[in-house]
Amino acid sequence: MADQSGIPAGGAATPPKVLPWLVMYTVGRLGIFALLTLVLWMAGLDFWSGLLFGLLLSMAVSYFALRLARERLNEALVARHAVRKAAKEDLRTRLSGSAEER
C-alpha cells in the first residue's frame, strides 16, 4: 500500500513464489529436450544418438531460451532464503533471551 505521496508503506514485502517459476523452468527444459530429440530423430539419427545429442543441445538452447524463468526462479529462491534466515535468527534470539534481560 502506498500513501498519497506515492511512497510504499513500510509493511513486510511478500517474497515471490518459487513453485510457479520452478514448474515453468522444468516444463520448459523438458519441452526443449523433447522437441530437439524429436527433430534429431526425424533427421535420421538412431534412438540413442538422438537422445544423447538432444540432451546436449537442449542444455545450450534452454540456457538462452529460459533465461527469464531461470532468473526469476533464482530471485525467488534468494528471497525465500532471506526470509527463512531472518526467521531462524529471530527464533535463536527468542530462545536465547533478549539482550535487555542480561
Protein backbone atom coordinates (compact mmCIF):
# COMPACT_ATOMS: atom_id res chain seq x y z
CA MET A 1 0.00 0.00 0.00
CA ALA A 2 1.20 3.50 -0.76
CA ASP A 3 0.23 6.71 0.90
CA GLN A 4 -0.77 9.82 -1.07
CA SER A 5 2.85 10.76 -1.74
CA GLY A 6 3.29 7.54 -3.72
CA ILE A 7 5.82 6.08 -1.28
CA PRO A 8 5.12 2.47 -0.33
CA ALA A 9 4.10 1.81 3.25
CA GLY A 10 6.64 0.08 5.49
CA GLY A 11 4.89 -3.29 5.60
CA ALA A 12 6.70 -6.55 5.08
CA ALA A 13 7.14 -7.46 1.45
CA THR A 14 5.92 -10.87 0.41
CA PRO A 15 8.64 -12.92 -1.25
CA PRO A 16 7.92 -14.17 -4.78
CA LYS A 17 6.53 -17.68 -5.14
CA VAL A 18 9.05 -20.38 -6.02
CA LEU A 19 6.75 -23.13 -7.29
CA PRO A 20 5.33 -21.42 -10.41
CA TRP A 21 8.80 -20.48 -11.67
CA LEU A 22 10.16 -23.93 -10.83
CA VAL A 23 7.35 -25.62 -12.77
CA MET A 24 7.74 -23.24 -15.71
CA TYR A 25 11.50 -23.80 -15.88
CA THR A 26 11.24 -27.58 -15.52
CA VAL A 27 8.50 -27.95 -18.11
CA GLY A 28 10.43 -25.65 -20.45
CA ARG A 29 13.60 -27.72 -20.12
CA LEU A 30 11.72 -30.96 -20.73
CA GLY A 31 9.85 -29.46 -23.68
CA ILE A 32 13.02 -28.20 -25.34
CA PHE A 33 14.66 -31.59 -24.81
CA ALA A 34 11.68 -33.45 -26.30
CA LEU A 35 11.44 -31.10 -29.28
CA LEU A 36 15.14 -31.27 -30.12
CA THR A 37 15.23 -35.04 -29.68
CA LEU A 38 12.24 -35.43 -31.99
CA VAL A 39 13.86 -33.19 -34.60
CA LEU A 40 17.07 -35.20 -34.43
CA TRP A 41 15.19 -38.49 -34.79
CA MET A 42 13.35 -37.11 -37.81
CA ALA A 43 16.71 -36.02 -39.25
CA GLY A 44 17.81 -39.66 -39.29
CA LEU A 45 19.72 -40.26 -36.05
CA ASP A 46 19.13 -43.54 -34.27
CA PHE A 47 17.40 -43.72 -30.88
CA TRP A 48 20.39 -43.39 -28.54
CA SER A 49 22.30 -40.87 -30.64
CA GLY A 50 19.20 -38.69 -30.96
CA LEU A 51 18.61 -38.92 -27.22
CA LEU A 52 22.21 -38.03 -26.37
CA PHE A 53 22.54 -35.15 -28.80
CA GLY A 54 19.06 -33.93 -27.88
CA LEU A 55 20.14 -33.77 -24.25
CA LEU A 56 23.38 -31.95 -25.04
CA LEU A 57 21.75 -29.44 -27.39
CA SER A 58 18.83 -28.82 -25.02
CA MET A 59 21.23 -27.67 -22.31
CA ALA A 60 22.63 -24.94 -24.53
CA VAL A 61 19.29 -23.91 -26.03
CA SER A 62 17.49 -23.76 -22.69
CA TYR A 63 20.28 -21.65 -21.21
CA PHE A 64 19.32 -18.86 -23.62
CA ALA A 65 15.63 -19.59 -24.17
CA LEU A 66 14.69 -19.87 -20.48
CA ARG A 67 16.81 -17.02 -19.14
CA LEU A 68 13.87 -15.06 -17.74
CA ALA A 69 12.37 -18.05 -15.93
CA ARG A 70 15.79 -19.04 -14.54
CA GLU A 71 16.46 -15.51 -13.25
CA ARG A 72 13.02 -15.23 -11.63
CA LEU A 73 13.43 -18.65 -10.03
CA ASN A 74 16.81 -17.59 -8.68
CA GLU A 75 15.34 -14.35 -7.27
CA ALA A 76 12.51 -16.28 -5.61
CA LEU A 77 14.94 -18.75 -4.06
CA VAL A 78 17.17 -15.95 -2.75
CA ALA A 79 14.17 -14.13 -1.27
CA ARG A 80 12.93 -17.35 0.32
CA HIS A 81 16.37 -17.97 1.78
CA ALA A 82 16.48 -14.45 3.26
CA VAL A 83 13.05 -14.87 4.88
CA ARG A 84 13.99 -18.25 6.33
CA LYS A 85 17.33 -16.91 7.59
CA ALA A 86 15.61 -13.97 9.30
CA ALA A 87 13.06 -16.30 10.89
CA LYS A 88 15.86 -18.56 12.10
CA GLU A 89 17.74 -15.63 13.63
CA ASP A 90 14.54 -14.40 15.27
CA LEU A 91 13.93 -17.83 16.77
CA ARG A 92 17.51 -18.02 18.05
CA THR A 93 17.15 -14.57 19.61
CA ARG A 94 13.88 -15.50 21.32
CA LEU A 95 15.28 -18.82 22.57
CA SER A 96 18.46 -17.29 24.00
CA GLY A 97 16.66 -14.35 25.59
CA SER A 98 16.84 -10.72 24.65
CA ALA A 99 19.87 -8.51 25.31
CA GLU A 100 17.94 -6.36 27.82
CA GLU A 101 17.47 -9.31 30.21
CA ARG A 102 21.21 -9.86 30.62
